[in-house]
C-alpha atoms as a PDB file:
ATOM      1  CA  UNK A   1     123.443  99.785 102.652  1.00  0.00           C
ATOM      2  CA  UNK A   2     121.024 102.132 102.932  1.00  0.00           C
ATOM      3  CA  UNK A   3     121.361 106.040 103.304  1.00  0.00           C
ATOM      4  CA  UNK A   4     119.281 106.008 106.551  1.00  0.00           C
ATOM      5  CA  UNK A   5     121.600 103.109 108.137  1.00  0.00           C
ATOM      6  CA  UNK A   6     124.718 105.430 107.717  1.00  0.00           C
ATOM      7  CA  UNK A   7     126.079 106.585 110.779  1.00  0.00           C
ATOM      8  CA  UNK A   8     125.388 110.236 112.294  1.00  0.00           C
ATOM      9  CA  UNK A   9     128.214 112.498 112.241  1.00  0.00           C
ATOM     10  CA  UNK A  10     129.580 114.093 115.200  1.00  0.00           C
ATOM     11  CA  UNK A  11     128.796 118.039 115.964  1.00  0.00           C
ATOM     12  CA  UNK A  12     131.954 119.298 115.110  1.00  0.00           C
ATOM     13  CA  UNK A  13     133.430 121.611 118.197  1.00  0.00           C
ATOM     14  CA  UNK A  14     134.418 124.833 117.579  1.00  0.00           C
ATOM     15  CA  UNK A  15     138.423 125.830 117.465  1.00  0.00           C
ATOM     16  CA  UNK A  16     141.023 123.828 115.955  1.00  0.00           C
ATOM     17  CA  UNK A  17     141.796 121.664 119.209  1.00  0.00           C
ATOM     18  CA  UNK A  18     138.198 121.128 118.967  1.00  0.00           C
ATOM     19  CA  UNK A  19     138.652 120.099 114.971  1.00  0.00           C
ATOM     20  CA  UNK A  20     140.906 117.548 115.876  1.00  0.00           C
ATOM     21  CA  UNK A  21     139.237 116.038 119.004  1.00  0.00           C
ATOM     22  CA  UNK A  22     135.803 115.748 117.028  1.00  0.00           C
ATOM     23  CA  UNK A  23     137.506 113.345 114.607  1.00  0.00           C
ATOM     24  CA  UNK A  24     139.568 111.675 116.667  1.00  0.00           C
ATOM     25  CA  UNK A  25     136.980 110.712 119.254  1.00  0.00           C
ATOM     26  CA  UNK A  26     134.503 109.738 116.862  1.00  0.00           C
ATOM     27  CA  UNK A  27     133.364 106.430 117.051  1.00  0.00           C
ATOM     28  CA  UNK A  28     132.637 105.735 113.238  1.00  0.00           C
ATOM     29  CA  UNK A  29     136.229 106.888 112.270  1.00  0.00           C
ATOM     30  CA  UNK A  30     137.637 104.007 114.429  1.00  0.00           C
ATOM     31  CA  UNK A  31     135.143 101.514 113.242  1.00  0.00           C
ATOM     32  CA  UNK A  32     135.961 102.614 109.771  1.00  0.00           C
ATOM     33  CA  UNK A  33     139.627 101.844 110.021  1.00  0.00           C
ATOM     34  CA  UNK A  34     138.862  98.686 111.739  1.00  0.00           C
ATOM     35  CA  UNK A  35     136.715  97.778 108.637  1.00  0.00           C
ATOM     36  CA  UNK A  36     139.440  98.484 106.448  1.00  0.00           C
ATOM     37  CA  UNK A  37     141.894  95.672 108.139  1.00  0.00           C
ATOM     38  CA  UNK A  38     138.666  93.481 108.427  1.00  0.00           C
ATOM     39  CA  UNK A  39     137.243  93.969 104.967  1.00  0.00           C
ATOM     40  CA  UNK A  40     140.372  93.314 103.365  1.00  0.00           C
ATOM     41  CA  UNK A  41     140.749  89.860 104.957  1.00  0.00           C
ATOM     42  CA  UNK A  42     137.028  88.971 104.101  1.00  0.00           C
ATOM     43  CA  UNK A  43     137.075  90.283 100.790  1.00  0.00           C
ATOM     44  CA  UNK A  44     140.588  88.750 100.145  1.00  0.00           C
ATOM     45  CA  UNK A  45     139.307  85.190 101.289  1.00  0.00           C
ATOM     46  CA  UNK A  46     136.106  85.408  99.491  1.00  0.00           C
ATOM     47  CA  UNK A  47     137.909  86.434  95.938  1.00  0.00           C
ATOM     48  CA  UNK A  48     140.096  83.607  96.623  1.00  0.00           C
ATOM     49  CA  UNK A  49     137.052  80.773  97.356  1.00  0.00           C
ATOM     50  CA  UNK A  50     135.216  82.028  94.650  1.00  0.00           C
ATOM     51  CA  UNK A  51     137.665  82.415  92.309  1.00  0.00           C
ATOM     52  CA  UNK A  52     138.983  78.809  93.006  1.00  0.00           C
ATOM     53  CA  UNK A  53     135.882  77.264  92.839  1.00  0.00           C
ATOM     54  CA  UNK A  54     135.203  78.552  89.232  1.00  0.00           C
ATOM     55  CA  UNK A  55     138.691  77.671  88.127  1.00  0.00           C
ATOM     56  CA  UNK A  56     137.734  74.062  89.369  1.00  0.00           C
ATOM     57  CA  UNK A  57     134.391  73.936  87.527  1.00  0.00           C
ATOM     58  CA  UNK A  58     135.574  75.165  84.448  1.00  0.00           C
ATOM     59  CA  UNK A  59     138.665  72.904  85.020  1.00  0.00           C
ATOM     60  CA  UNK A  60     136.466  69.907  85.425  1.00  0.00           C
ATOM     61  CA  UNK A  61     134.432  70.743  82.022  1.00  0.00           C
ATOM     62  CA  UNK A  62     137.159  71.339  80.263  1.00  0.00           C
ATOM     63  CA  UNK A  63     139.397  68.281  81.211  1.00  0.00           C
ATOM     64  CA  UNK A  64     138.753  66.283  78.195  1.00  0.00           C
ATOM     65  CA  UNK A  65     140.607  68.691  76.396  1.00  0.00           C
ATOM     66  CA  UNK A  66     143.831  69.694  78.505  1.00  0.00           C
ATOM     67  CA  UNK A  67     144.069  66.841  80.407  1.00  0.00           C
ATOM     68  CA  UNK A  68     145.785  64.847  77.658  1.00  0.00           C
ATOM     69  CA  UNK A  69     149.131  67.424  77.820  1.00  0.00           C
ATOM     70  CA  UNK A  70     149.573  66.808  81.391  1.00  0.00           C
ATOM     71  CA  UNK A  71     152.786  64.308  82.136  1.00  0.00           C
ATOM     72  CA  UNK A  72     151.995  60.644  82.587  1.00  0.00           C
ATOM     73  CA  UNK A  73     152.276  59.448  85.999  1.00  0.00           C
ATOM     74  CA  UNK A  74     152.171  56.077  87.675  1.00  0.00           C
ATOM     75  CA  UNK A  75     149.634  55.084  89.329  1.00  0.00           C
ATOM     76  CA  UNK A  76     148.542  52.744  92.182  1.00  0.00           C
ATOM     77  CA  UNK A  77     147.834  49.844  89.401  1.00  0.00           C
ATOM     78  CA  UNK A  78     151.483  50.408  88.592  1.00  0.00           C
ATOM     79  CA  UNK A  79     150.079  51.578  84.757  1.00  0.00           C
ATOM     80  CA  UNK A  80     150.876  54.477  83.254  1.00  0.00           C
ATOM     81  CA  UNK A  81     148.372  56.979  83.594  1.00  0.00           C
ATOM     82  CA  UNK A  82     147.479  60.622  81.657  1.00  0.00           C
ATOM     83  CA  UNK A  83     145.238  62.833  83.571  1.00  0.00           C
ATOM     84  CA  UNK A  84     144.218  64.885  86.595  1.00  0.00           C
ATOM     85  CA  UNK A  85     143.744  62.743  89.885  1.00  0.00           C
ATOM     86  CA  UNK A  86     139.927  63.197  91.627  1.00  0.00           C
ATOM     87  CA  UNK A  87     139.808  61.517  94.848  1.00  0.00           C
ATOM     88  CA  UNK A  88     142.780  59.221  93.986  1.00  0.00           C
ATOM     89  CA  UNK A  89     141.149  57.968  90.538  1.00  0.00           C
ATOM     90  CA  UNK A  90     143.089  58.969  87.333  1.00  0.00           C
ATOM     91  CA  UNK A  91     140.394  60.888  84.681  1.00  0.00           C
ATOM     92  CA  UNK A  92     141.442  59.261  81.567  1.00  0.00           C
ATOM     93  CA  UNK A  93     138.860  57.549  80.332  1.00  0.00           C
ATOM     94  CA  UNK A  94     135.631  58.669  78.395  1.00  0.00           C
ATOM     95  CA  UNK A  95     133.050  57.310  81.159  1.00  0.00           C
ATOM     96  CA  UNK A  96     135.554  59.061  83.642  1.00  0.00           C
ATOM     97  CA  UNK A  97     135.706  62.413  81.647  1.00  0.00           C
ATOM     98  CA  UNK A  98     132.022  62.716  81.049  1.00  0.00           C
ATOM     99  CA  UNK A  99     131.368  62.099  84.575  1.00  0.00           C
ATOM    100  CA  UNK A 100     133.934  64.923  85.520  1.00  0.00           C
ATOM    101  CA  UNK A 101     132.617  67.217  83.370  1.00  0.00           C
ATOM    102  CA  UNK A 102     129.179  66.569  84.769  1.00  0.00           C
ATOM    103  CA  UNK A 103     130.518  67.383  88.222  1.00  0.00           C
ATOM    104  CA  UNK A 104     132.013  70.632  87.176  1.00  0.00           C
ATOM    105  CA  UNK A 105     128.814  71.466  85.509  1.00  0.00           C
ATOM    106  CA  UNK A 106     127.073  71.106  88.627  1.00  0.00           C
ATOM    107  CA  UNK A 107     129.821  73.078  90.326  1.00  0.00           C
ATOM    108  CA  UNK A 108     129.491  75.968  87.816  1.00  0.00           C
ATOM    109  CA  UNK A 109     125.743  75.929  87.658  1.00  0.00           C
ATOM    110  CA  UNK A 110     124.740  75.350  90.978  1.00  0.00           C
ATOM    111  CA  UNK A 111     127.543  75.269  93.811  1.00  0.00           C
ATOM    112  CA  UNK A 112     129.446  78.484  92.586  1.00  0.00           C
ATOM    113  CA  UNK A 113     126.170  80.988  92.701  1.00  0.00           C
ATOM    114  CA  UNK A 114     125.164  80.077  96.050  1.00  0.00           C
ATOM    115  CA  UNK A 115     128.700  80.064  97.502  1.00  0.00           C
ATOM    116  CA  UNK A 116     128.696  83.585  95.896  1.00  0.00           C
ATOM    117  CA  UNK A 117     125.372  84.885  97.534  1.00  0.00           C
ATOM    118  CA  UNK A 118     127.042  83.643 100.539  1.00  0.00           C
ATOM    119  CA  UNK A 119     129.971  85.143 100.327  1.00  0.00           C
ATOM    120  CA  UNK A 120     128.038  88.509  99.934  1.00  0.00           C
ATOM    121  CA  UNK A 121     125.789  87.960 102.371  1.00  0.00           C
ATOM    122  CA  UNK A 122     128.967  87.791 104.878  1.00  0.00           C
ATOM    123  CA  UNK A 123     130.355  90.867 103.204  1.00  0.00           C
ATOM    124  CA  UNK A 124     126.882  92.802 103.938  1.00  0.00           C
ATOM    125  CA  UNK A 125     126.835  91.505 107.603  1.00  0.00           C
ATOM    126  CA  UNK A 126     130.530  92.942 108.143  1.00  0.00           C
ATOM    127  CA  UNK A 127     129.851  96.045 106.438  1.00  0.00           C
ATOM    128  CA  UNK A 128     126.267  96.676 108.383  1.00  0.00           C
ATOM    129  CA  UNK A 129     127.786  95.426 111.902  1.00  0.00           C
ATOM    130  CA  UNK A 130     131.144  97.935 111.100  1.00  0.00           C
ATOM    131  CA  UNK A 131     129.781 100.800 109.088  1.00  0.00           C
ATOM    132  CA  UNK A 132     126.157 100.766 109.576  1.00  0.00           C
ATOM    133  CA  UNK A 133     124.056 102.603 112.510  1.00  0.00           C
ATOM    134  CA  UNK A 134     124.159 101.621 115.988  1.00  0.00           C
ATOM    135  CA  UNK A 135     121.361  99.941 117.790  1.00  0.00           C
ATOM    136  CA  UNK A 136     120.872 103.525 119.877  1.00  0.00           C
ATOM    137  CA  UNK A 137     121.078 105.698 116.517  1.00  0.00           C
ATOM    138  CA  UNK A 138     118.225 103.004 114.713  1.00  0.00           C
ATOM    139  CA  UNK A 139     116.714 104.065 118.069  1.00  0.00           C
ATOM    140  CA  UNK A 140     116.780 107.658 117.700  1.00  0.00           C
ATOM    141  CA  UNK A 141     115.929 107.469 114.064  1.00  0.00           C
ATOM    142  CA  UNK A 142     112.679 105.527 114.999  1.00  0.00           C
ATOM    143  CA  UNK A 143     111.825 108.045 117.645  1.00  0.00           C
ATOM    144  CA  UNK A 144     112.460 110.924 115.365  1.00  0.00           C
ATOM    145  CA  UNK A 145     110.156 109.341 112.916  1.00  0.00           C
ATOM    146  CA  UNK A 146     107.001 108.434 115.324  1.00  0.00           C
ATOM    147  CA  UNK A 147     107.795 112.074 116.538  1.00  0.00           C
ATOM    148  CA  UNK A 148     107.005 113.473 113.326  1.00  0.00           C
ATOM    149  CA  UNK A 149     104.068 111.141 112.881  1.00  0.00           C
ATOM    150  CA  UNK A 150     102.595 112.188 115.956  1.00  0.00           C
ATOM    151  CA  UNK A 151     103.111 115.959 115.528  1.00  0.00           C
ATOM    152  CA  UNK A 152     101.494 115.675 111.969  1.00  0.00           C
ATOM    153  CA  UNK A 153      98.653 113.706 113.093  1.00  0.00           C
ATOM    154  CA  UNK A 154      98.016 115.827 115.584  1.00  0.00           C
ATOM    155  CA  UNK A 155      98.035 118.627 113.259  1.00  0.00           C
ATOM    156  CA  UNK A 156      95.479 116.603 110.986  1.00  0.00           C
ATOM    157  CA  UNK A 157      93.331 116.352 114.042  1.00  0.00           C
ATOM    158  CA  UNK A 158      93.543 120.146 114.841  1.00  0.00           C
ATOM    159  CA  UNK A 159      92.789 120.886 111.141  1.00  0.00           C
ATOM    160  CA  UNK A 160      89.774 118.684 111.186  1.00  0.00           C
ATOM    161  CA  UNK A 161      88.432 120.252 113.946  1.00  0.00           C
ATOM    162  CA  UNK A 162      88.936 123.543 112.931  1.00  0.00           C
ATOM    163  CA  UNK A 163      87.163 122.464 109.632  1.00  0.00           C
ATOM    164  CA  UNK A 164      84.204 120.988 111.133  1.00  0.00           C
ATOM    165  CA  UNK A 165      83.966 123.977 113.689  1.00  0.00           C
ATOM    166  CA  UNK A 166      84.068 126.378 110.702  1.00  0.00           C
ATOM    167  CA  UNK A 167      81.894 124.629 108.171  1.00  0.00           C
ATOM    168  CA  UNK A 168      79.489 122.978 110.607  1.00  0.00           C
ATOM    169  CA  UNK A 169      78.786 124.448 114.231  1.00  0.00           C
ATOM    170  CA  UNK A 170      80.042 127.965 113.657  1.00  0.00           C
ATOM    171  CA  UNK A 171      78.016 128.391 110.272  1.00  0.00           C
ATOM    172  CA  UNK A 172      74.828 126.843 112.273  1.00  0.00           C
ATOM    173  CA  UNK A 173      75.434 129.149 114.947  1.00  0.00           C
ATOM    174  CA  UNK A 174      75.855 132.232 112.848  1.00  0.00           C
ATOM    175  CA  UNK A 175      72.303 130.949 111.242  1.00  0.00           C
ATOM    176  CA  UNK A 176      70.928 130.842 114.594  1.00  0.00           C
ATOM    177  CA  UNK A 177      71.764 134.467 115.587  1.00  0.00           C
ATOM    178  CA  UNK A 178      70.490 135.930 112.130  1.00  0.00           C
ATOM    179  CA  UNK A 179      67.028 133.802 113.100  1.00  0.00           C
ATOM    180  CA  UNK A 180      67.155 135.316 116.886  1.00  0.00           C
ATOM    181  CA  UNK A 181      67.884 138.738 115.369  1.00  0.00           C
ATOM    182  CA  UNK A 182      64.976 138.506 112.996  1.00  0.00           C
ATOM    183  CA  UNK A 183      62.823 137.550 115.769  1.00  0.00           C
ATOM    184  CA  UNK A 184      63.830 140.382 117.873  1.00  0.00           C
ATOM    185  CA  UNK A 185      63.326 142.804 114.839  1.00  0.00           C
ATOM    186  CA  UNK A 186      60.008 141.241 114.314  1.00  0.00           C
ATOM    187  CA  UNK A 187      58.953 142.075 118.099  1.00  0.00           C
ATOM    188  CA  UNK A 188      60.035 145.672 118.316  1.00  0.00           C
ATOM    189  CA  UNK A 189      58.033 146.129 115.188  1.00  0.00           C
ATOM    190  CA  UNK A 190      55.022 144.958 116.902  1.00  0.00           C
ATOM    191  CA  UNK A 191      54.457 142.152 115.193  1.00  0.00           C
ATOM    192  CA  UNK A 192      51.986 139.271 116.517  1.00  0.00           C
ATOM    193  CA  UNK A 193      53.822 136.958 118.923  1.00  0.00           C
ATOM    194  CA  UNK A 194      52.158 134.110 116.678  1.00  0.00           C
ATOM    195  CA  UNK A 195      54.398 135.433 113.909  1.00  0.00           C
ATOM    196  CA  UNK A 196      57.546 135.163 115.782  1.00  0.00           C
ATOM    197  CA  UNK A 197      56.541 131.725 117.164  1.00  0.00           C
ATOM    198  CA  UNK A 198      57.824 130.057 114.232  1.00  0.00           C
ATOM    199  CA  UNK A 199      61.241 131.653 113.913  1.00  0.00           C
ATOM    200  CA  UNK A 200      61.600 130.927 117.820  1.00  0.00           C
ATOM    201  CA  UNK A 201      60.779 127.355 116.922  1.00  0.00           C
ATOM    202  CA  UNK A 202      63.219 127.154 114.269  1.00  0.00           C
ATOM    203  CA  UNK A 203      66.276 128.581 116.653  1.00  0.00           C
ATOM    204  CA  UNK A 204      65.603 125.832 119.168  1.00  0.00           C
ATOM    205  CA  UNK A 205      65.955 123.366 116.408  1.00  0.00           C
ATOM    206  CA  UNK A 206      69.036 124.650 115.216  1.00  0.00           C
ATOM    207  CA  UNK A 207      70.286 125.145 118.748  1.00  0.00           C
ATOM    208  CA  UNK A 208      69.683 121.174 119.615  1.00  0.00           C
ATOM    209  CA  UNK A 209      71.515 120.532 116.167  1.00  0.00           C
ATOM    210  CA  UNK A 210      74.461 122.395 116.916  1.00  0.00           C
ATOM    211  CA  UNK A 211      74.501 120.686 120.419  1.00  0.00           C
ATOM    212  CA  UNK A 212      74.435 117.590 118.811  1.00  0.00           C
ATOM    213  CA  UNK A 213      77.399 118.513 116.565  1.00  0.00           C
ATOM    214  CA  UNK A 214      79.501 119.472 119.483  1.00  0.00           C
ATOM    215  CA  UNK A 215      78.895 116.184 121.218  1.00  0.00           C
ATOM    216  CA  UNK A 216      80.212 114.112 118.216  1.00  0.00           C
ATOM    217  CA  UNK A 217      83.038 116.447 118.130  1.00  0.00           C
ATOM    218  CA  UNK A 218      84.020 116.383 121.366  1.00  0.00           C
ATOM    219  CA  UNK A 219      83.655 112.583 121.452  1.00  0.00           C
ATOM    220  CA  UNK A 220      86.293 112.360 118.474  1.00  0.00           C
ATOM    221  CA  UNK A 221      88.758 114.318 120.524  1.00  0.00           C
ATOM    222  CA  UNK A 222      88.081 112.172 123.901  1.00  0.00           C
ATOM    223  CA  UNK A 223      84.848 109.879 124.130  1.00  0.00           C
ATOM    224  CA  UNK A 224      83.620 110.358 127.265  1.00  0.00           C
ATOM    225  CA  UNK A 225      82.624 106.413 127.509  1.00  0.00           C
ATOM    226  CA  UNK A 226      86.301 105.855 128.000  1.00  0.00           C
ATOM    227  CA  UNK A 227      85.953 107.428 131.472  1.00  0.00           C
ATOM    228  CA  UNK A 228      84.013 104.057 132.198  1.00  0.00           C
ATOM    229  CA  UNK A 229      86.631 102.100 131.418  1.00  0.00           C
ATOM    230  CA  UNK A 230      87.990 100.286 127.950  1.00  0.00           C
ATOM    231  CA  UNK A 231      85.829  97.556 127.773  1.00  0.00           C
ATOM    232  CA  UNK A 232      82.771 100.033 128.175  1.00  0.00           C
ATOM    233  CA  UNK A 233      84.515 102.442 125.140  1.00  0.00           C
ATOM    234  CA  UNK A 234      84.746  99.026 123.424  1.00  0.00           C
ATOM    235  CA  UNK A 235      81.279  98.062 123.818  1.00  0.00           C
ATOM    236  CA  UNK A 236      79.958 101.255 122.813  1.00  0.00           C
ATOM    237  CA  UNK A 237      82.084 101.034 119.620  1.00  0.00           C
ATOM    238  CA  UNK A 238      80.885  97.706 118.655  1.00  0.00           C
ATOM    239  CA  UNK A 239      77.460  98.450 118.959  1.00  0.00           C
ATOM    240  CA  UNK A 240      77.660 100.921 116.335  1.00  0.00           C
ATOM    241  CA  UNK A 241      78.893  98.622 113.543  1.00  0.00           C
ATOM    242  CA  UNK A 242      76.493  97.271 110.775  1.00  0.00           C
ATOM    243  CA  UNK A 243      77.515  93.438 111.385  1.00  0.00           C
ATOM    244  CA  UNK A 244      77.713  91.897 114.812  1.00  0.00           C
ATOM    245  CA  UNK A 245      80.960  91.928 116.441  1.00  0.00           C
ATOM    246  CA  UNK A 246      81.789  89.639 119.564  1.00  0.00           C
ATOM    247  CA  UNK A 247      84.014  91.484 122.331  1.00  0.00           C
ATOM    248  CA  UNK A 248      86.169  89.812 124.712  1.00  0.00           C
ATOM    249  CA  UNK A 249      88.333  91.943 127.236  1.00  0.00           C
ATOM    250  CA  UNK A 250      90.281  90.262 130.019  1.00  0.00           C
ATOM    251  CA  UNK A 251      92.168  92.859 132.102  1.00  0.00           C
ATOM    252  CA  UNK A 252      93.199  92.696 135.331  1.00  0.00           C
ATOM    253  CA  UNK A 253      93.807  96.542 135.794  1.00  0.00           C
ATOM    254  CA  UNK A 254      92.874  99.663 133.353  1.00  0.00           C
ATOM    255  CA  UNK A 255      96.056 100.775 131.326  1.00  0.00           C
ATOM    256  CA  UNK A 256      97.559 104.483 131.333  1.00  0.00           C
ATOM    257  CA  UNK A 257      94.696 106.728 129.600  1.00  0.00           C
ATOM    258  CA  UNK A 258      97.074 107.131 126.733  1.00  0.00           C
ATOM    259  CA  UNK A 259      97.138 103.626 125.807  1.00  0.00           C
ATOM    260  CA  UNK A 260      93.625 103.093 126.365  1.00  0.00           C
ATOM    261  CA  UNK A 261      92.555 106.072 124.239  1.00  0.00           C
ATOM    262  CA  UNK A 262      94.942 104.689 121.384  1.00  0.00           C
ATOM    263  CA  UNK A 263      93.652 101.153 121.787  1.00  0.00           C
ATOM    264  CA  UNK A 264      89.854 102.659 121.759  1.00  0.00           C
ATOM    265  CA  UNK A 265      90.579 104.255 118.436  1.00  0.00           C
ATOM    266  CA  UNK A 266      92.407 101.693 117.212  1.00  0.00           C
ATOM    267  CA  UNK A 267      89.636  99.487 117.469  1.00  0.00           C
ATOM    268  CA  UNK A 268      87.469 102.323 115.696  1.00  0.00           C
ATOM    269  CA  UNK A 269      89.627 102.521 113.046  1.00  0.00           C
ATOM    270  CA  UNK A 270      89.652  98.725 112.020  1.00  0.00           C
ATOM    271  CA  UNK A 271      86.127  98.267 112.519  1.00  0.00           C
ATOM    272  CA  UNK A 272      85.450 100.957 109.910  1.00  0.00           C
ATOM    273  CA  UNK A 273      87.987  99.324 107.667  1.00  0.00           C
ATOM    274  CA  UNK A 274      86.438  96.126 107.990  1.00  0.00           C
ATOM    275  CA  UNK A 275      82.988  97.982 106.937  1.00  0.00           C
ATOM    276  CA  UNK A 276      84.168  99.877 104.018  1.00  0.00           C
ATOM    277  CA  UNK A 277      86.578  97.007 102.440  1.00  0.00           C
ATOM    278  CA  UNK A 278      86.047  93.801 104.170  1.00  0.00           C
ATOM    279  CA  UNK A 279      82.635  93.131 103.137  1.00  0.00           C
ATOM    280  CA  UNK A 280      82.699  90.944 106.777  1.00  0.00           C
ATOM    281  CA  UNK A 281      79.262  89.423 108.052  1.00  0.00           C
ATOM    282  CA  UNK A 282      81.102  89.109 111.370  1.00  0.00           C
ATOM    283  CA  UNK A 283      84.224  90.247 113.293  1.00  0.00           C
ATOM    284  CA  UNK A 284      85.699  89.515 117.037  1.00  0.00           C
ATOM    285  CA  UNK A 285      87.570  91.891 119.268  1.00  0.00           C
ATOM    286  CA  UNK A 286      89.928  90.249 121.824  1.00  0.00           C
ATOM    287  CA  UNK A 287      91.782  92.567 124.353  1.00  0.00           C
ATOM    288  CA  UNK A 288      94.057  90.961 126.948  1.00  0.00           C
ATOM    289  CA  UNK A 289      97.377  91.657 128.825  1.00  0.00           C
ATOM    290  CA  UNK A 290     100.365  89.553 128.242  1.00  0.00           C
ATOM    291  CA  UNK A 291     103.108  90.851 130.663  1.00  0.00           C
ATOM    292  CA  UNK A 292     103.652  94.369 130.315  1.00  0.00           C
ATOM    293  CA  UNK A 293     102.028  94.609 126.866  1.00  0.00           C
ATOM    294  CA  UNK A 294      98.712  95.115 126.108  1.00  0.00           C
ATOM    295  CA  UNK A 295      97.341  92.824 122.547  1.00  0.00           C
ATOM    296  CA  UNK A 296      94.262  94.381 121.168  1.00  0.00           C
ATOM    297  CA  UNK A 297      93.462  91.569 118.054  1.00  0.00           C
ATOM    298  CA  UNK A 298      90.637  92.323 115.584  1.00  0.00           C
ATOM    299  CA  UNK A 299      89.440  89.160 113.401  1.00  0.00           C
ATOM    300  CA  UNK A 300      86.987  89.489 110.584  1.00  0.00           C
ATOM    301  CA  UNK A 301      85.779  86.812 107.648  1.00  0.00           C
ATOM    302  CA  UNK A 302      85.893  89.383 105.349  1.00  0.00           C
ATOM    303  CA  UNK A 303      87.568  89.184 101.467  1.00  0.00           C
ATOM    304  CA  UNK A 304      91.078  89.765 103.023  1.00  0.00           C
ATOM    305  CA  UNK A 305      94.099  91.755 101.216  1.00  0.00           C
ATOM    306  CA  UNK A 306      94.440  94.111 104.037  1.00  0.00           C
ATOM    307  CA  UNK A 307      98.236  95.959 103.969  1.00  0.00           C
ATOM    308  CA  UNK A 308      99.573  99.282 105.225  1.00  0.00           C
ATOM    309  CA  UNK A 309     100.032 101.902 102.371  1.00  0.00           C
ATOM    310  CA  UNK A 310     101.789 105.262 102.233  1.00  0.00           C
ATOM    311  CA  UNK A 311      99.813 106.946  99.724  1.00  0.00           C
ATOM    312  CA  UNK A 312     101.032 110.606 100.214  1.00  0.00           C
ATOM    313  CA  UNK A 313     103.760 111.740  98.676  1.00  0.00           C
ATOM    314  CA  UNK A 314     105.277 113.584 101.636  1.00  0.00           C
ATOM    315  CA  UNK A 315     105.371 110.111 103.023  1.00  0.00           C
ATOM    316  CA  UNK A 316     102.374 110.192 105.481  1.00  0.00           C
ATOM    317  CA  UNK A 317      99.960 107.186 105.548  1.00  0.00           C
ATOM    318  CA  UNK A 318      96.236 106.804 105.774  1.00  0.00           C
ATOM    319  CA  UNK A 319      93.968 103.900 107.434  1.00  0.00           C
ATOM    320  CA  UNK A 320      96.589 100.953 108.559  1.00  0.00           C
ATOM    321  CA  UNK A 321      99.618 103.513 107.891  1.00  0.00           C
ATOM    322  CA  UNK A 322      98.067 106.183 110.168  1.00  0.00           C
ATOM    323  CA  UNK A 323      97.211 103.416 112.874  1.00  0.00           C
ATOM    324  CA  UNK A 324     100.845 101.969 112.572  1.00  0.00           C
ATOM    325  CA  UNK A 325     103.046 105.468 113.240  1.00  0.00           C
ATOM    326  CA  UNK A 326     100.200 106.232 116.179  1.00  0.00           C
ATOM    327  CA  UNK A 327     101.746 102.769 117.541  1.00  0.00           C
ATOM    328  CA  UNK A 328     104.909 103.314 116.915  1.00  0.00           C
ATOM    329  CA  UNK A 329     104.898 106.453 119.131  1.00  0.00           C
ATOM    330  CA  UNK A 330     104.297 104.411 121.886  1.00  0.00           C
ATOM    331  CA  UNK A 331     106.821 101.873 121.301  1.00  0.00           C
ATOM    332  CA  UNK A 332     103.970  99.451 119.906  1.00  0.00           C
ATOM    333  CA  UNK A 333     103.817  97.088 116.994  1.00  0.00           C
ATOM    334  CA  UNK A 334     101.128  96.446 113.898  1.00  0.00           C
ATOM    335  CA  UNK A 335     100.739  92.825 112.976  1.00  0.00           C
ATOM    336  CA  UNK A 336      98.856  91.896 109.825  1.00  0.00           C
ATOM    337  CA  UNK A 337      97.560  88.598 108.501  1.00  0.00           C
ATOM    338  CA  UNK A 338      95.248  89.163 105.798  1.00  0.00           C
ATOM    339  CA  UNK A 339      95.210  86.758 102.773  1.00  0.00           C
ATOM    340  CA  UNK A 340      93.683  87.459  99.942  1.00  0.00           C
ATOM    341  CA  UNK A 341      89.873  85.639 100.420  1.00  0.00           C
ATOM    342  CA  UNK A 342      90.327  86.125 104.224  1.00  0.00           C
ATOM    343  CA  UNK A 343      90.154  85.885 106.897  1.00  0.00           C
ATOM    344  CA  UNK A 344      92.092  89.189 108.407  1.00  0.00           C
ATOM    345  CA  UNK A 345      93.811  89.006 111.877  1.00  0.00           C
ATOM    346  CA  UNK A 346      95.255  92.096 112.652  1.00  0.00           C
ATOM    347  CA  UNK A 347      96.964  92.588 116.481  1.00  0.00           C
ATOM    348  CA  UNK A 348      97.979  95.726 117.872  1.00  0.00           C
ATOM    349  CA  UNK A 349     100.573  95.633 120.555  1.00  0.00           C
ATOM    350  CA  UNK A 350     101.455  98.472 122.735  1.00  0.00           C
ATOM    351  CA  UNK A 351     102.937  98.700 126.458  1.00  0.00           C
ATOM    352  CA  UNK A 352     100.684  98.774 129.276  1.00  0.00           C
ATOM    353  CA  UNK A 353     101.772 101.686 130.243  1.00  0.00           C
ATOM    354  CA  UNK A 354     103.180 104.685 128.208  1.00  0.00           C
ATOM    355  CA  UNK A 355     106.900 104.506 127.785  1.00  0.00           C
ATOM    356  CA  UNK A 356     108.618 107.504 129.535  1.00  0.00           C
END
């Protein structure tokens, strides 16, 4: 049982009475006590079954050695026989002893290991069901992990925006201010307007470039095209790929804005991966509603081999791993079918409305 499967300890109350009541009202205490009883029965039974099967197998294989020392008995045919009985037949001839030894060998090599694995699986089920974390504790751990991933993703996004503003737009605006300042100084110094015209034109061009960068940065935060709906946003995203993408959207109504944004950026991530890694010549994007869920499926005819990988030592993932964590934050799922050689099919499933 993994450490993460262990039940969480109850918070300790203050005072002597609190110290006692904390332990006596802890459900894991009574589960552990119950396991001592159930586990003893299961372990004893498992050992008895395994030991009996092992002794039977070894006994059958070595019957030719020790069977001759058994007392003689009168069989159904009225004759005296010496040896063990198997299915009412005495094993006292060479062919029967060879067959009996072969049966013991089968029990030893095939049946006994399989029974041991089955008994071990039974033990594992008992331990996990009685000592493992409850479904509520598992859910709490998943929510905590998803929250941490969402916080980390938000922090990375803020750092990216800060870096792009500092290294791109801010530097361009500083250059623009310096150009305008130079033009002002020249005008104040009595220079001809024709000599200042080039600086003004340069400042004008820098202003337009800064606006383009700001628009691109704003699209990364919330693309304005999503205001017209998910289908319009995905149509715009698919039109910018270097390969043809067939888009099919079948939505009766619009999902929640959070889910809509997640689906849009998820498709962007998947199409970017297709463009970078799969060597695909075409792709399809299917969006539909199935009951309370929104399904987004991206398929390409590339080389396959897509998988979720954690690349950072801190456990933060990139690419598909980051997409998986964002989906988990809204109780979503990511299914990947990408055999070597392709094709690749990746499905994102998320609730139609963001869970409260």
